[in-house]
């Protein structure tokens, strides 16, 4: 076997073992940490130096994006004024594999004066950091993936995994929903898929094809053609939605009635009880309905039972929902 492949497998095995070993340490300490974080009235302040700091930034970002307001504090900068960002209502997650990181120990007295709760994530539960913290989460690893045992590898992987444990457990405890997630991610594909509603994409007003049940099929065909959506809504004299006529209905009508088809009225040809949707539904819901029923358009109905719009598969494709 190629040496590169052998090295890669060794690294992944060591890191996988490091994460798996955390499972056996999930006890009252984790429960206490979750309760402290859940009860936090301010922000969660994550701090760490070097590679631990990089992992800390990711943990704080994950917390913030899943409903727990958080920010990262560089402990070195904390000693030079940034500790002022921390308030008595905050909770601190301090990350140090050794538990003796000088920059973190230097800000502990200030944190203690604020009387904030400190959750330590460390590989040394007998360290100074551990002894001065309210809760200690053991993230120690048997070995680093680095063959010299020097570069933080398995230890940072374990730390990141424990950070995900905190974030996801809090997410669940807070009842964080897809809509909440979308609010935190308004940009990109995630936000677009979870925030865009039918009303944002539907054709409305004069762009909605509509005919009366007594409209001739000749006029109905012209309406379908002019609005270019491959469909028209059919309403009664009071404007209440009664059905649709699609391109498929036209083909089936010709097969059924032949030349006499053109002399019929819209009400004779329309499909009744077609699939509909409301304007406040998510665009992703429209996609799901279309896929399930193998259709390309949905009529948008208001609370009074009137057709107020049409949403087409092409609109969803252009918006990047599909």
C-alpha atoms as a PDB file:
ATOM      1  CA  UNK A   1       0.000   0.000   0.000  1.00  0.00           C
ATOM      2  CA  UNK A   2       1.206   3.502  -0.812  1.00  0.00           C
ATOM      3  CA  UNK A   3       2.821   5.219   2.201  1.00  0.00           C
ATOM      4  CA  UNK A   4       0.635   8.299   1.733  1.00  0.00           C
ATOM      5  CA  UNK A   5      -2.485   6.173   2.019  1.00  0.00           C
ATOM      6  CA  UNK A   6      -1.079   4.442   5.083  1.00  0.00           C
ATOM      7  CA  UNK A   7      -0.315   7.791   6.738  1.00  0.00           C
ATOM      8  CA  UNK A   8      -3.762   9.116   5.848  1.00  0.00           C
ATOM      9  CA  UNK A   9      -5.502   6.100   7.361  1.00  0.00           C
ATOM     10  CA  UNK A  10      -3.400   6.381  10.511  1.00  0.00           C
ATOM     11  CA  UNK A  11      -4.298  10.072  10.925  1.00  0.00           C
ATOM     12  CA  UNK A  12      -8.003   9.477  10.416  1.00  0.00           C
ATOM     13  CA  UNK A  13      -8.029   6.499  12.778  1.00  0.00           C
ATOM     14  CA  UNK A  14      -6.327   8.497  15.539  1.00  0.00           C
ATOM     15  CA  UNK A  15      -8.689  11.443  15.097  1.00  0.00           C
ATOM     16  CA  UNK A  16     -11.760   9.215  14.925  1.00  0.00           C
ATOM     17  CA  UNK A  17     -10.664   7.497  18.144  1.00  0.00           C
ATOM     18  CA  UNK A  18     -10.171  10.900  19.782  1.00  0.00           C
ATOM     19  CA  UNK A  19     -13.752  11.912  19.010  1.00  0.00           C
ATOM     20  CA  UNK A  20     -15.196   8.535  19.963  1.00  0.00           C
ATOM     21  CA  UNK A  21     -13.424   8.640  23.312  1.00  0.00           C
ATOM     22  CA  UNK A  22     -15.439  11.751  24.217  1.00  0.00           C
ATOM     23  CA  UNK A  23     -18.635   9.690  24.323  1.00  0.00           C
ATOM     24  CA  UNK A  24     -17.527   7.926  27.505  1.00  0.00           C
ATOM     25  CA  UNK A  25     -16.995  11.286  29.229  1.00  0.00           C
ATOM     26  CA  UNK A  26     -20.488  12.653  28.716  1.00  0.00           C
ATOM     27  CA  UNK A  27     -21.690  13.023  32.296  1.00  0.00           C
ATOM     28  CA  UNK A  28     -22.969  15.560  34.833  1.00  0.00           C
ATOM     29  CA  UNK A  29     -20.275  18.005  33.796  1.00  0.00           C
ATOM     30  CA  UNK A  30     -21.763  18.311  30.330  1.00  0.00           C
ATOM     31  CA  UNK A  31     -25.256  18.673  31.783  1.00  0.00           C
ATOM     32  CA  UNK A  32     -24.029  21.472  34.067  1.00  0.00           C
ATOM     33  CA  UNK A  33     -22.324  23.206  31.148  1.00  0.00           C
ATOM     34  CA  UNK A  34     -25.505  23.071  29.061  1.00  0.00           C
ATOM     35  CA  UNK A  35     -27.602  24.457  31.921  1.00  0.00           C
ATOM     36  CA  UNK A  36     -25.152  27.322  32.448  1.00  0.00           C
ATOM     37  CA  UNK A  37     -25.150  28.171  28.752  1.00  0.00           C
ATOM     38  CA  UNK A  38     -28.937  27.881  28.480  1.00  0.00           C
ATOM     39  CA  UNK A  39     -29.419  30.213  31.446  1.00  0.00           C
ATOM     40  CA  UNK A  40     -26.955  32.800  30.123  1.00  0.00           C
ATOM     41  CA  UNK A  41     -28.610  36.238  30.000  1.00  0.00           C
ATOM     42  CA  UNK A  42     -25.786  37.802  28.011  1.00  0.00           C
ATOM     43  CA  UNK A  43     -23.458  36.340  25.415  1.00  0.00           C
ATOM     44  CA  UNK A  44     -21.242  33.296  25.321  1.00  0.00           C
ATOM     45  CA  UNK A  45     -17.611  34.422  25.158  1.00  0.00           C
ATOM     46  CA  UNK A  46     -15.274  31.836  23.637  1.00  0.00           C
ATOM     47  CA  UNK A  47     -11.558  32.325  24.212  1.00  0.00           C
ATOM     48  CA  UNK A  48      -8.459  30.390  23.248  1.00  0.00           C
ATOM     49  CA  UNK A  49      -4.937  30.983  21.973  1.00  0.00           C
ATOM     50  CA  UNK A  50      -3.192  29.672  18.864  1.00  0.00           C
ATOM     51  CA  UNK A  51      -4.828  26.611  17.305  1.00  0.00           C
ATOM     52  CA  UNK A  52      -7.303  26.507  20.204  1.00  0.00           C
ATOM     53  CA  UNK A  53      -8.248  30.058  19.300  1.00  0.00           C
ATOM     54  CA  UNK A  54      -8.956  29.076  15.713  1.00  0.00           C
ATOM     55  CA  UNK A  55     -11.183  26.259  16.932  1.00  0.00           C
ATOM     56  CA  UNK A  56     -12.769  28.698  19.387  1.00  0.00           C
ATOM     57  CA  UNK A  57     -13.703  31.043  16.555  1.00  0.00           C
ATOM     58  CA  UNK A  58     -15.477  28.216  14.783  1.00  0.00           C
ATOM     59  CA  UNK A  59     -17.307  27.187  17.968  1.00  0.00           C
ATOM     60  CA  UNK A  60     -18.482  30.754  18.590  1.00  0.00           C
ATOM     61  CA  UNK A  61     -19.655  31.012  14.979  1.00  0.00           C
ATOM     62  CA  UNK A  62     -21.583  27.744  15.263  1.00  0.00           C
ATOM     63  CA  UNK A  63     -23.208  28.869  18.508  1.00  0.00           C
ATOM     64  CA  UNK A  64     -24.254  32.192  16.973  1.00  0.00           C
ATOM     65  CA  UNK A  65     -25.707  30.573  13.867  1.00  0.00           C
ATOM     66  CA  UNK A  66     -27.773  28.129  15.915  1.00  0.00           C
ATOM     67  CA  UNK A  67     -29.480  30.540  18.266  1.00  0.00           C
ATOM     68  CA  UNK A  68     -26.905  31.123  21.022  1.00  0.00           C
ATOM     69  CA  UNK A  69     -25.416  34.620  20.787  1.00  0.00           C
ATOM     70  CA  UNK A  70     -21.635  34.321  21.042  1.00  0.00           C
ATOM     71  CA  UNK A  71     -18.369  35.999  20.126  1.00  0.00           C
ATOM     72  CA  UNK A  72     -14.666  35.151  20.206  1.00  0.00           C
ATOM     73  CA  UNK A  73     -12.243  36.930  22.518  1.00  0.00           C
ATOM     74  CA  UNK A  74      -8.511  36.758  21.835  1.00  0.00           C
ATOM     75  CA  UNK A  75      -7.095  36.337  25.356  1.00  0.00           C
ATOM     76  CA  UNK A  76      -3.910  38.249  24.498  1.00  0.00           C
ATOM     77  CA  UNK A  77      -5.995  41.225  23.382  1.00  0.00           C
ATOM     78  CA  UNK A  78      -8.194  40.681  26.411  1.00  0.00           C
ATOM     79  CA  UNK A  79      -5.271  41.612  28.666  1.00  0.00           C
ATOM     80  CA  UNK A  80      -4.967  44.889  26.771  1.00  0.00           C
ATOM     81  CA  UNK A  81      -8.517  46.189  26.975  1.00  0.00           C
ATOM     82  CA  UNK A  82     -10.748  43.728  25.117  1.00  0.00           C
ATOM     83  CA  UNK A  83     -11.813  42.142  28.397  1.00  0.00           C
ATOM     84  CA  UNK A  84     -14.099  45.175  28.562  1.00  0.00           C
ATOM     85  CA  UNK A  85     -16.360  43.425  26.052  1.00  0.00           C
ATOM     86  CA  UNK A  86     -17.277  40.873  28.707  1.00  0.00           C
ATOM     87  CA  UNK A  87     -20.160  41.658  31.071  1.00  0.00           C
ATOM     88  CA  UNK A  88     -21.397  40.067  34.273  1.00  0.00           C
ATOM     89  CA  UNK A  89     -24.284  38.473  32.355  1.00  0.00           C
ATOM     90  CA  UNK A  90     -21.963  36.532  30.038  1.00  0.00           C
ATOM     91  CA  UNK A  91     -20.606  32.988  30.183  1.00  0.00           C
ATOM     92  CA  UNK A  92     -17.028  32.172  29.172  1.00  0.00           C
ATOM     93  CA  UNK A  93     -15.848  29.032  27.399  1.00  0.00           C
ATOM     94  CA  UNK A  94     -12.067  28.905  27.832  1.00  0.00           C
ATOM     95  CA  UNK A  95     -10.158  26.493  25.590  1.00  0.00           C
ATOM     96  CA  UNK A  96      -6.644  25.287  26.443  1.00  0.00           C
ATOM     97  CA  UNK A  97      -5.356  21.770  25.856  1.00  0.00           C
ATOM     98  CA  UNK A  98      -2.692  22.152  28.536  1.00  0.00           C
ATOM     99  CA  UNK A  99      -4.856  24.248  30.821  1.00  0.00           C
ATOM    100  CA  UNK A 100      -1.796  26.423  31.448  1.00  0.00           C
ATOM    101  CA  UNK A 101      -1.971  28.837  28.508  1.00  0.00           C
ATOM    102  CA  UNK A 102      -0.478  32.026  29.891  1.00  0.00           C
ATOM    103  CA  UNK A 103      -2.721  34.424  27.965  1.00  0.00           C
ATOM    104  CA  UNK A 104      -5.848  32.740  29.322  1.00  0.00           C
ATOM    105  CA  UNK A 105      -4.574  32.540  32.886  1.00  0.00           C
ATOM    106  CA  UNK A 106      -3.805  36.264  32.739  1.00  0.00           C
ATOM    107  CA  UNK A 107      -7.442  37.194  32.145  1.00  0.00           C
ATOM    108  CA  UNK A 108      -8.909  34.793  34.718  1.00  0.00           C
ATOM    109  CA  UNK A 109      -8.662  37.307  37.628  1.00  0.00           C
ATOM    110  CA  UNK A 110     -10.646  39.870  35.630  1.00  0.00           C
ATOM    111  CA  UNK A 111     -13.248  37.279  34.717  1.00  0.00           C
ATOM    112  CA  UNK A 112     -13.490  36.234  38.359  1.00  0.00           C
ATOM    113  CA  UNK A 113     -14.070  39.841  39.408  1.00  0.00           C
ATOM    114  CA  UNK A 114     -16.981  39.970  36.976  1.00  0.00           C
ATOM    115  CA  UNK A 115     -18.270  36.780  38.613  1.00  0.00           C
ATOM    116  CA  UNK A 116     -18.996  35.184  35.228  1.00  0.00           C
ATOM    117  CA  UNK A 117     -19.352  31.434  34.916  1.00  0.00           C
ATOM    118  CA  UNK A 118     -16.346  29.780  33.264  1.00  0.00           C
ATOM    119  CA  UNK A 119     -16.551  26.523  31.326  1.00  0.00           C
ATOM    120  CA  UNK A 120     -13.121  25.057  30.671  1.00  0.00           C
ATOM    121  CA  UNK A 121     -12.423  22.807  27.706  1.00  0.00           C
ATOM    122  CA  UNK A 122      -9.060  21.276  28.467  1.00  0.00           C
ATOM    123  CA  UNK A 123      -6.991  18.126  28.108  1.00  0.00           C
ATOM    124  CA  UNK A 124      -5.660  18.480  31.654  1.00  0.00           C
ATOM    125  CA  UNK A 125      -8.379  18.346  34.313  1.00  0.00           C
ATOM    126  CA  UNK A 126      -5.777  19.029  37.031  1.00  0.00           C
ATOM    127  CA  UNK A 127      -4.573  22.242  35.390  1.00  0.00           C
ATOM    128  CA  UNK A 128      -4.790  25.785  36.734  1.00  0.00           C
ATOM    129  CA  UNK A 129      -7.567  26.604  34.268  1.00  0.00           C
ATOM    130  CA  UNK A 130      -9.560  23.564  35.321  1.00  0.00           C
ATOM    131  CA  UNK A 131      -9.232  24.374  39.028  1.00  0.00           C
ATOM    132  CA  UNK A 132     -10.434  27.947  38.503  1.00  0.00           C
ATOM    133  CA  UNK A 133     -13.415  27.053  36.306  1.00  0.00           C
ATOM    134  CA  UNK A 134     -16.999  26.290  37.268  1.00  0.00           C
ATOM    135  CA  UNK A 135     -17.287  23.326  34.903  1.00  0.00           C
ATOM    136  CA  UNK A 136     -14.532  21.302  33.237  1.00  0.00           C
ATOM    137  CA  UNK A 137     -15.070  19.403  29.998  1.00  0.00           C
ATOM    138  CA  UNK A 138     -12.329  16.836  29.453  1.00  0.00           C
ATOM    139  CA  UNK A 139     -11.118  16.932  25.842  1.00  0.00           C
ATOM    140  CA  UNK A 140      -7.893  15.010  26.384  1.00  0.00           C
ATOM    141  CA  UNK A 141      -6.672  12.639  23.668  1.00  0.00           C
ATOM    142  CA  UNK A 142      -4.520   9.533  23.834  1.00  0.00           C
ATOM    143  CA  UNK A 143      -2.193  10.810  21.110  1.00  0.00           C
ATOM    144  CA  UNK A 144      -1.885  13.451  18.443  1.00  0.00           C
ATOM    145  CA  UNK A 145      -2.014  12.469  14.786  1.00  0.00           C
ATOM    146  CA  UNK A 146       1.235  14.370  14.301  1.00  0.00           C
ATOM    147  CA  UNK A 147       3.979  11.667  14.388  1.00  0.00           C
ATOM    148  CA  UNK A 148       6.085  13.902  16.635  1.00  0.00           C
ATOM    149  CA  UNK A 149       3.165  14.489  18.947  1.00  0.00           C
ATOM    150  CA  UNK A 150       3.703  18.236  18.690  1.00  0.00           C
ATOM    151  CA  UNK A 151       1.225  19.767  16.226  1.00  0.00           C
ATOM    152  CA  UNK A 152      -2.327  20.007  17.643  1.00  0.00           C
ATOM    153  CA  UNK A 153      -4.320  17.599  15.471  1.00  0.00           C
ATOM    154  CA  UNK A 154      -6.438  15.017  17.277  1.00  0.00           C
ATOM    155  CA  UNK A 155      -6.784  17.393  20.226  1.00  0.00           C
ATOM    156  CA  UNK A 156      -8.212  20.205  18.111  1.00  0.00           C
ATOM    157  CA  UNK A 157     -10.550  17.747  16.369  1.00  0.00           C
ATOM    158  CA  UNK A 158     -11.847  16.592  19.761  1.00  0.00           C
ATOM    159  CA  UNK A 159     -12.270  20.204  20.875  1.00  0.00           C
ATOM    160  CA  UNK A 160     -14.243  21.072  17.768  1.00  0.00           C
ATOM    161  CA  UNK A 161     -16.463  18.032  18.247  1.00  0.00           C
ATOM    162  CA  UNK A 162     -17.176  18.991  21.852  1.00  0.00           C
ATOM    163  CA  UNK A 163     -18.053  22.499  20.689  1.00  0.00           C
ATOM    164  CA  UNK A 164     -20.557  20.998  18.257  1.00  0.00           C
ATOM    165  CA  UNK A 165     -22.000  18.972  21.134  1.00  0.00           C
ATOM    166  CA  UNK A 166     -22.660  22.178  23.066  1.00  0.00           C
ATOM    167  CA  UNK A 167     -24.120  24.038  20.096  1.00  0.00           C
ATOM    168  CA  UNK A 168     -26.416  21.257  18.894  1.00  0.00           C
ATOM    169  CA  UNK A 169     -27.606  20.339  22.383  1.00  0.00           C
ATOM    170  CA  UNK A 170     -28.475  23.983  23.035  1.00  0.00           C
ATOM    171  CA  UNK A 171     -30.176  24.201  19.645  1.00  0.00           C
ATOM    172  CA  UNK A 172     -32.412  21.312  20.607  1.00  0.00           C
ATOM    173  CA  UNK A 173     -33.101  22.621  24.117  1.00  0.00           C
ATOM    174  CA  UNK A 174     -34.115  26.033  22.759  1.00  0.00           C
ATOM    175  CA  UNK A 175     -36.433  24.573  20.131  1.00  0.00           C
ATOM    176  CA  UNK A 176     -34.464  26.236  17.330  1.00  0.00           C
ATOM    177  CA  UNK A 177     -36.374  25.820  14.035  1.00  0.00           C
ATOM    178  CA  UNK A 178     -35.594  25.952  10.317  1.00  0.00           C
ATOM    179  CA  UNK A 179     -37.156  29.421  10.230  1.00  0.00           C
ATOM    180  CA  UNK A 180     -34.833  30.539  13.041  1.00  0.00           C
ATOM    181  CA  UNK A 181     -31.881  29.102  11.144  1.00  0.00           C
ATOM    182  CA  UNK A 182     -32.930  30.970   8.012  1.00  0.00           C
ATOM    183  CA  UNK A 183     -33.111  34.228   9.986  1.00  0.00           C
ATOM    184  CA  UNK A 184     -29.469  33.725  10.991  1.00  0.00           C
ATOM    185  CA  UNK A 185     -28.471  32.831   7.412  1.00  0.00           C
ATOM    186  CA  UNK A 186     -30.226  35.363   5.138  1.00  0.00           C
ATOM    187  CA  UNK A 187     -27.548  35.085   2.450  1.00  0.00           C
ATOM    188  CA  UNK A 188     -26.612  32.232   0.141  1.00  0.00           C
ATOM    189  CA  UNK A 189     -28.514  29.117  -0.807  1.00  0.00           C
ATOM    190  CA  UNK A 190     -29.599  28.265   2.735  1.00  0.00           C
ATOM    191  CA  UNK A 191     -31.251  31.604   3.355  1.00  0.00           C
ATOM    192  CA  UNK A 192     -32.777  31.703  -0.098  1.00  0.00           C
ATOM    193  CA  UNK A 193     -34.353  28.268   0.297  1.00  0.00           C
ATOM    194  CA  UNK A 194     -35.620  28.837   3.813  1.00  0.00           C
ATOM    195  CA  UNK A 195     -36.784  32.458   3.574  1.00  0.00           C
ATOM    196  CA  UNK A 196     -38.277  32.803   0.097  1.00  0.00           C
ATOM    197  CA  UNK A 197     -42.065  32.565   0.070  1.00  0.00           C
ATOM    198  CA  UNK A 198     -44.490  31.868  -2.744  1.00  0.00           C
ATOM    199  CA  UNK A 199     -45.515  35.541  -2.737  1.00  0.00           C
ATOM    200  CA  UNK A 200     -41.907  36.541  -3.499  1.00  0.00           C
ATOM    201  CA  UNK A 201     -41.929  34.590  -6.770  1.00  0.00           C
ATOM    202  CA  UNK A 202     -45.536  34.298  -7.944  1.00  0.00           C
ATOM    203  CA  UNK A 203     -47.082  36.054 -10.931  1.00  0.00           C
ATOM    204  CA  UNK A 204     -49.805  38.374  -9.694  1.00  0.00           C
ATOM    205  CA  UNK A 205     -52.149  41.165 -10.786  1.00  0.00           C
ATOM    206  CA  UNK A 206     -52.518  41.509 -14.543  1.00  0.00           C
ATOM    207  CA  UNK A 207     -49.976  38.727 -15.089  1.00  0.00           C
ATOM    208  CA  UNK A 208     -52.391  36.124 -13.716  1.00  0.00           C
ATOM    209  CA  UNK A 209     -54.284  34.343 -16.541  1.00  0.00           C
ATOM    210  CA  UNK A 210     -57.970  34.219 -15.678  1.00  0.00           C
ATOM    211  CA  UNK A 211     -61.189  33.426 -17.535  1.00  0.00           C
ATOM    212  CA  UNK A 212     -64.824  32.980 -16.494  1.00  0.00           C
ATOM    213  CA  UNK A 213     -66.538  29.577 -16.506  1.00  0.00           C
ATOM    214  CA  UNK A 214     -68.717  30.846 -19.365  1.00  0.00           C
ATOM    215  CA  UNK A 215     -65.743  32.074 -21.436  1.00  0.00           C
ATOM    216  CA  UNK A 216     -65.444  30.408 -24.845  1.00  0.00           C
ATOM    217  CA  UNK A 217     -62.567  27.995 -25.317  1.00  0.00           C
ATOM    218  CA  UNK A 218     -61.258  30.155 -28.123  1.00  0.00           C
ATOM    219  CA  UNK A 219     -60.862  33.059 -25.675  1.00  0.00           C
ATOM    220  CA  UNK A 220     -59.463  30.740 -23.021  1.00  0.00           C
ATOM    221  CA  UNK A 221     -56.781  29.493 -25.416  1.00  0.00           C
ATOM    222  CA  UNK A 222     -55.847  33.083 -26.248  1.00  0.00           C
ATOM    223  CA  UNK A 223     -55.552  33.848 -22.511  1.00  0.00           C
ATOM    224  CA  UNK A 224     -53.257  30.867 -21.970  1.00  0.00           C
ATOM    225  CA  UNK A 225     -51.133  31.860 -24.953  1.00  0.00           C
ATOM    226  CA  UNK A 226     -50.871  35.556 -24.083  1.00  0.00           C
ATOM    227  CA  UNK A 227     -49.856  35.037 -20.423  1.00  0.00           C
ATOM    228  CA  UNK A 228     -47.252  32.381 -21.379  1.00  0.00           C
ATOM    229  CA  UNK A 229     -47.636  30.249 -18.241  1.00  0.00           C
ATOM    230  CA  UNK A 230     -49.204  27.220 -19.903  1.00  0.00           C
ATOM    231  CA  UNK A 231     -52.283  27.543 -17.735  1.00  0.00           C
ATOM    232  CA  UNK A 232     -55.257  29.749 -16.915  1.00  0.00           C
ATOM    233  CA  UNK A 233     -57.395  29.976 -13.822  1.00  0.00           C
ATOM    234  CA  UNK A 234     -61.166  29.694 -14.137  1.00  0.00           C
ATOM    235  CA  UNK A 235     -63.475  31.725 -11.872  1.00  0.00           C
ATOM    236  CA  UNK A 236     -67.227  32.148 -11.474  1.00  0.00           C
ATOM    237  CA  UNK A 237     -69.202  35.382 -11.741  1.00  0.00           C
ATOM    238  CA  UNK A 238     -68.265  36.309  -8.137  1.00  0.00           C
ATOM    239  CA  UNK A 239     -64.559  35.832  -8.836  1.00  0.00           C
ATOM    240  CA  UNK A 240     -64.291  32.604  -6.831  1.00  0.00           C
ATOM    241  CA  UNK A 241     -61.698  30.121  -8.065  1.00  0.00           C
ATOM    242  CA  UNK A 242     -63.281  27.053  -9.677  1.00  0.00           C
ATOM    243  CA  UNK A 243     -60.553  25.280 -11.626  1.00  0.00           C
ATOM    244  CA  UNK A 244     -57.768  25.495 -14.173  1.00  0.00           C
ATOM    245  CA  UNK A 245     -57.207  24.802 -17.832  1.00  0.00           C
ATOM    246  CA  UNK A 246     -53.682  23.699 -18.660  1.00  0.00           C
ATOM    247  CA  UNK A 247     -51.906  22.752 -21.873  1.00  0.00           C
ATOM    248  CA  UNK A 248     -52.618  19.158 -20.903  1.00  0.00           C
ATOM    249  CA  UNK A 249     -56.344  19.897 -20.593  1.00  0.00           C
ATOM    250  CA  UNK A 250     -56.294  21.341 -24.108  1.00  0.00           C
ATOM    251  CA  UNK A 251     -54.718  18.192 -25.547  1.00  0.00           C
ATOM    252  CA  UNK A 252     -57.118  15.938 -23.688  1.00  0.00           C
ATOM    253  CA  UNK A 253     -60.067  18.109 -24.776  1.00  0.00           C
ATOM    254  CA  UNK A 254     -59.131  17.823 -28.431  1.00  0.00           C
ATOM    255  CA  UNK A 255     -58.834  14.058 -28.108  1.00  0.00           C
ATOM    256  CA  UNK A 256     -62.234  13.831 -26.392  1.00  0.00           C
ATOM    257  CA  UNK A 257     -64.353  16.318 -28.357  1.00  0.00           C
ATOM    258  CA  UNK A 258     -62.487  16.738 -31.621  1.00  0.00           C
ATOM    259  CA  UNK A 259     -63.485  19.751 -33.724  1.00  0.00           C
ATOM    260  CA  UNK A 260     -66.366  20.560 -31.405  1.00  0.00           C
ATOM    261  CA  UNK A 261     -63.902  21.341 -28.635  1.00  0.00           C
ATOM    262  CA  UNK A 262     -63.530  24.978 -29.737  1.00  0.00           C
ATOM    263  CA  UNK A 263     -67.269  25.568 -29.236  1.00  0.00           C
ATOM    264  CA  UNK A 264     -67.218  24.535 -25.584  1.00  0.00           C
ATOM    265  CA  UNK A 265     -66.926  26.850 -22.605  1.00  0.00           C
ATOM    266  CA  UNK A 266     -64.110  27.023 -20.056  1.00  0.00           C
ATOM    267  CA  UNK A 267     -66.288  25.450 -17.388  1.00  0.00           C
ATOM    268  CA  UNK A 268     -66.771  22.360 -19.578  1.00  0.00           C
ATOM    269  CA  UNK A 269     -63.056  21.704 -20.019  1.00  0.00           C
ATOM    270  CA  UNK A 270     -61.442  22.873 -16.770  1.00  0.00           C
ATOM    271  CA  UNK A 271     -59.921  20.540 -14.215  1.00  0.00           C
ATOM    272  CA  UNK A 272     -61.600  20.955 -10.847  1.00  0.00           C
ATOM    273  CA  UNK A 273     -59.857  20.710  -7.473  1.00  0.00           C
ATOM    274  CA  UNK A 274     -56.329  21.329  -8.796  1.00  0.00           C
ATOM    275  CA  UNK A 275     -53.369  21.598  -6.434  1.00  0.00           C
ATOM    276  CA  UNK A 276     -53.138  25.071  -4.874  1.00  0.00           C
ATOM    277  CA  UNK A 277     -50.975  26.913  -2.375  1.00  0.00           C
ATOM    278  CA  UNK A 278     -51.136  30.056  -0.231  1.00  0.00           C
ATOM    279  CA  UNK A 279     -48.996  33.115  -0.776  1.00  0.00           C
ATOM    280  CA  UNK A 280     -47.280  32.846   2.628  1.00  0.00           C
ATOM    281  CA  UNK A 281     -46.087  29.261   2.081  1.00  0.00           C
ATOM    282  CA  UNK A 282     -42.371  28.683   1.593  1.00  0.00           C
ATOM    283  CA  UNK A 283     -41.201  28.343  -1.988  1.00  0.00           C
ATOM    284  CA  UNK A 284     -39.656  25.005  -1.012  1.00  0.00           C
ATOM    285  CA  UNK A 285     -43.151  23.786  -0.159  1.00  0.00           C
ATOM    286  CA  UNK A 286     -44.274  24.668  -3.694  1.00  0.00           C
ATOM    287  CA  UNK A 287     -41.383  22.617  -5.085  1.00  0.00           C
ATOM    288  CA  UNK A 288     -42.365  19.627  -2.956  1.00  0.00           C
ATOM    289  CA  UNK A 289     -45.999  19.770  -4.145  1.00  0.00           C
ATOM    290  CA  UNK A 290     -44.939  20.043  -7.786  1.00  0.00           C
ATOM    291  CA  UNK A 291     -42.521  17.129  -7.501  1.00  0.00           C
ATOM    292  CA  UNK A 292     -45.041  14.914  -5.723  1.00  0.00           C
ATOM    293  CA  UNK A 293     -47.783  15.567  -8.305  1.00  0.00           C
ATOM    294  CA  UNK A 294     -45.599  15.895 -11.430  1.00  0.00           C
ATOM    295  CA  UNK A 295     -46.914  19.364 -12.254  1.00  0.00           C
ATOM    296  CA  UNK A 296     -45.201  22.617 -13.182  1.00  0.00           C
ATOM    297  CA  UNK A 297     -47.630  25.265 -11.892  1.00  0.00           C
ATOM    298  CA  UNK A 298     -49.612  26.014  -8.761  1.00  0.00           C
ATOM    299  CA  UNK A 299     -52.500  28.433  -8.336  1.00  0.00           C
ATOM    300  CA  UNK A 300     -52.095  30.741  -5.349  1.00  0.00           C
ATOM    301  CA  UNK A 301     -55.331  31.116  -3.384  1.00  0.00           C
ATOM    302  CA  UNK A 302     -56.220  33.774  -0.815  1.00  0.00           C
ATOM    303  CA  UNK A 303     -58.351  33.324   2.301  1.00  0.00           C
ATOM    304  CA  UNK A 304     -61.552  34.061   0.398  1.00  0.00           C
ATOM    305  CA  UNK A 305     -60.998  31.327  -2.164  1.00  0.00           C
ATOM    306  CA  UNK A 306     -59.930  33.625  -4.984  1.00  0.00           C
ATOM    307  CA  UNK A 307     -56.956  33.029  -7.294  1.00  0.00           C
ATOM    308  CA  UNK A 308     -54.396  35.764  -6.649  1.00  0.00           C
ATOM    309  CA  UNK A 309     -51.357  34.339  -8.386  1.00  0.00           C
ATOM    310  CA  UNK A 310     -49.557  31.595 -10.269  1.00  0.00           C
ATOM    311  CA  UNK A 311     -46.176  30.157  -9.328  1.00  0.00           C
ATOM    312  CA  UNK A 312     -44.344  28.220 -12.029  1.00  0.00           C
ATOM    313  CA  UNK A 313     -41.474  25.759 -11.808  1.00  0.00           C
ATOM    314  CA  UNK A 314     -39.395  28.081 -13.992  1.00  0.00           C
ATOM    315  CA  UNK A 315     -39.733  30.829 -11.361  1.00  0.00           C
ATOM    316  CA  UNK A 316     -38.415  28.458  -8.705  1.00  0.00           C
ATOM    317  CA  UNK A 317     -35.532  27.396 -10.932  1.00  0.00           C
ATOM    318  CA  UNK A 318     -34.530  30.994 -11.661  1.00  0.00           C
ATOM    319  CA  UNK A 319     -34.575  31.829  -7.951  1.00  0.00           C
ATOM    320  CA  UNK A 320     -32.309  28.883  -7.150  1.00  0.00           C
ATOM    321  CA  UNK A 321     -34.919  27.162  -4.980  1.00  0.00           C
ATOM    322  CA  UNK A 322     -34.703  23.936  -6.954  1.00  0.00           C
END
